[in-house]
Amino acid sequence: ASPHYHVFNARSETVYEKKSFGGLIRNGQTCVLALEGYYEWTKSKSLHDKRKQPYFVRRKNRERPLLMAGLWSRVATGR
């Protein structure tokens, strides 16, 4: 994979079918991420306003982290 090819947000329903993700799973390049939360973006309801509004998604119980599945790969950075 090219380090200039930035893909994220694999869908569990199709992850094995996608060339960019299927090999990572078959090679065991999976992980679990513990995070406080993440941002989603919502579009304005106004037809004239094309801006997006970020909102932070997190657990109601902030004592425990939100767990998310992940895939990883190693890319050459030229350093």
C-alpha atoms as a PDB file:
ATOM      1  CA  ALA A   1       0.000   0.000   0.000  1.00  0.00           C
ATOM      2  CA  SER A   2       1.210   3.466  -0.819  1.00  0.00           C
ATOM      3  CA  PRO A   3       1.808   5.776   2.173  1.00  0.00           C
ATOM      4  CA  HIS A   4      -0.136   8.365   0.156  1.00  0.00           C
ATOM      5  CA  TYR A   5      -3.254   6.188   0.073  1.00  0.00           C
ATOM      6  CA  HIS A   6      -5.221   7.120   3.177  1.00  0.00           C
ATOM      7  CA  VAL A   7      -8.185   4.815   3.725  1.00  0.00           C
ATOM      8  CA  PHE A   8     -10.076   4.405   6.920  1.00  0.00           C
ATOM      9  CA  ASN A   9     -13.516   3.408   8.152  1.00  0.00           C
ATOM     10  CA  ALA A  10     -13.770  -0.211   7.063  1.00  0.00           C
ATOM     11  CA  ARG A  11     -17.281  -1.625   7.293  1.00  0.00           C
ATOM     12  CA  SER A  12     -17.547  -4.970   9.070  1.00  0.00           C
ATOM     13  CA  GLU A  13     -20.042  -6.204   6.459  1.00  0.00           C
ATOM     14  CA  THR A  14     -17.595  -5.794   3.536  1.00  0.00           C
ATOM     15  CA  VAL A  15     -14.119  -5.696   5.086  1.00  0.00           C
ATOM     16  CA  TYR A  16     -13.094  -9.111   3.675  1.00  0.00           C
ATOM     17  CA  GLU A  17     -14.164  -8.095   0.166  1.00  0.00           C
ATOM     18  CA  LYS A  18     -12.103  -4.892   0.053  1.00  0.00           C
ATOM     19  CA  LYS A  19      -8.623  -5.233  -1.399  1.00  0.00           C
ATOM     20  CA  SER A  20      -7.265  -2.591   0.983  1.00  0.00           C
ATOM     21  CA  PHE A  21      -8.494  -4.366   4.155  1.00  0.00           C
ATOM     22  CA  GLY A  22      -8.955  -8.109   3.476  1.00  0.00           C
ATOM     23  CA  GLY A  23      -5.243  -8.947   3.488  1.00  0.00           C
ATOM     24  CA  LEU A  24      -4.712  -7.156   6.803  1.00  0.00           C
ATOM     25  CA  ILE A  25      -7.313  -9.319   8.509  1.00  0.00           C
ATOM     26  CA  ARG A  26      -6.076 -12.546   6.929  1.00  0.00           C
ATOM     27  CA  ASN A  27      -2.523 -11.675   8.100  1.00  0.00           C
ATOM     28  CA  GLY A  28      -3.716 -10.996  11.653  1.00  0.00           C
ATOM     29  CA  GLN A  29      -2.957  -7.275  11.516  1.00  0.00           C
ATOM     30  CA  THR A  30      -5.819  -6.421  13.843  1.00  0.00           C
ATOM     31  CA  CYS A  31      -5.870  -4.517  17.105  1.00  0.00           C
ATOM     32  CA  VAL A  32      -8.186  -3.031  19.719  1.00  0.00           C
ATOM     33  CA  LEU A  33      -8.042   0.690  20.394  1.00  0.00           C
ATOM     34  CA  ALA A  34      -9.065   2.160  23.747  1.00  0.00           C
ATOM     35  CA  LEU A  35     -10.237   5.740  23.333  1.00  0.00           C
ATOM     36  CA  GLU A  36     -12.104   8.453  25.135  1.00  0.00           C
ATOM     37  CA  GLY A  37     -14.231   9.062  22.035  1.00  0.00           C
ATOM     38  CA  TYR A  38     -14.169  10.138  18.415  1.00  0.00           C
ATOM     39  CA  TYR A  39     -15.639  12.833  16.174  1.00  0.00           C
ATOM     40  CA  GLU A  40     -18.487  12.363  13.724  1.00  0.00           C
ATOM     41  CA  TRP A  41     -19.599  15.087  11.343  1.00  0.00           C
ATOM     42  CA  THR A  42     -23.146  16.108  10.569  1.00  0.00           C
ATOM     43  CA  LYS A  43     -24.304  18.236   7.663  1.00  0.00           C
ATOM     44  CA  SER A  44     -26.333  21.367   8.233  1.00  0.00           C
ATOM     45  CA  LYS A  45     -30.070  20.978   7.634  1.00  0.00           C
ATOM     46  CA  SER A  46     -30.077  24.214   5.674  1.00  0.00           C
ATOM     47  CA  LEU A  47     -29.968  23.820   1.893  1.00  0.00           C
ATOM     48  CA  HIS A  48     -27.755  26.915   1.630  1.00  0.00           C
ATOM     49  CA  ASP A  49     -25.277  25.994   4.368  1.00  0.00           C
ATOM     50  CA  LYS A  50     -22.810  23.320   3.172  1.00  0.00           C
ATOM     51  CA  ARG A  51     -20.684  23.367   6.336  1.00  0.00           C
ATOM     52  CA  LYS A  52     -20.392  20.307   8.553  1.00  0.00           C
ATOM     53  CA  GLN A  53     -20.640  20.375  12.349  1.00  0.00           C
ATOM     54  CA  PRO A  54     -18.374  18.081  14.408  1.00  0.00           C
ATOM     55  CA  TYR A  55     -19.756  16.291  17.452  1.00  0.00           C
ATOM     56  CA  PHE A  56     -17.916  14.096  19.925  1.00  0.00           C
ATOM     57  CA  VAL A  57     -19.145  10.508  20.488  1.00  0.00           C
ATOM     58  CA  ARG A  58     -18.248   8.853  23.810  1.00  0.00           C
ATOM     59  CA  ARG A  59     -19.592   6.440  26.393  1.00  0.00           C
ATOM     60  CA  LYS A  60     -22.176   7.724  28.846  1.00  0.00           C
ATOM     61  CA  ASN A  61     -20.112   6.121  31.606  1.00  0.00           C
ATOM     62  CA  ARG A  62     -16.832   8.013  31.211  1.00  0.00           C
ATOM     63  CA  GLU A  63     -15.070   5.761  33.729  1.00  0.00           C
ATOM     64  CA  ARG A  64     -14.325   3.127  31.081  1.00  0.00           C
ATOM     65  CA  PRO A  65     -12.801   3.664  27.627  1.00  0.00           C
ATOM     66  CA  LEU A  66     -14.636   3.132  24.373  1.00  0.00           C
ATOM     67  CA  LEU A  67     -13.178   0.108  22.575  1.00  0.00           C
ATOM     68  CA  MET A  68     -12.875   0.073  18.800  1.00  0.00           C
ATOM     69  CA  ALA A  69     -11.540  -2.570  16.424  1.00  0.00           C
ATOM     70  CA  GLY A  70      -8.653  -1.539  14.204  1.00  0.00           C
ATOM     71  CA  LEU A  71      -6.415  -2.692  11.379  1.00  0.00           C
ATOM     72  CA  TRP A  72      -2.756  -1.744  11.100  1.00  0.00           C
ATOM     73  CA  SER A  73      -0.022  -1.770   8.502  1.00  0.00           C
ATOM     74  CA  ARG A  74       3.564  -0.637   8.319  1.00  0.00           C
ATOM     75  CA  VAL A  75       4.558   1.842   5.624  1.00  0.00           C
ATOM     76  CA  ALA A  76       7.946   3.260   4.694  1.00  0.00           C
ATOM     77  CA  THR A  77       8.203   6.912   5.628  1.00  0.00           C
ATOM     78  CA  GLY A  78      11.573   7.664   4.033  1.00  0.00           C
ATOM     79  CA  ARG A  79      13.214   8.484   7.351  1.00  0.00           C
END
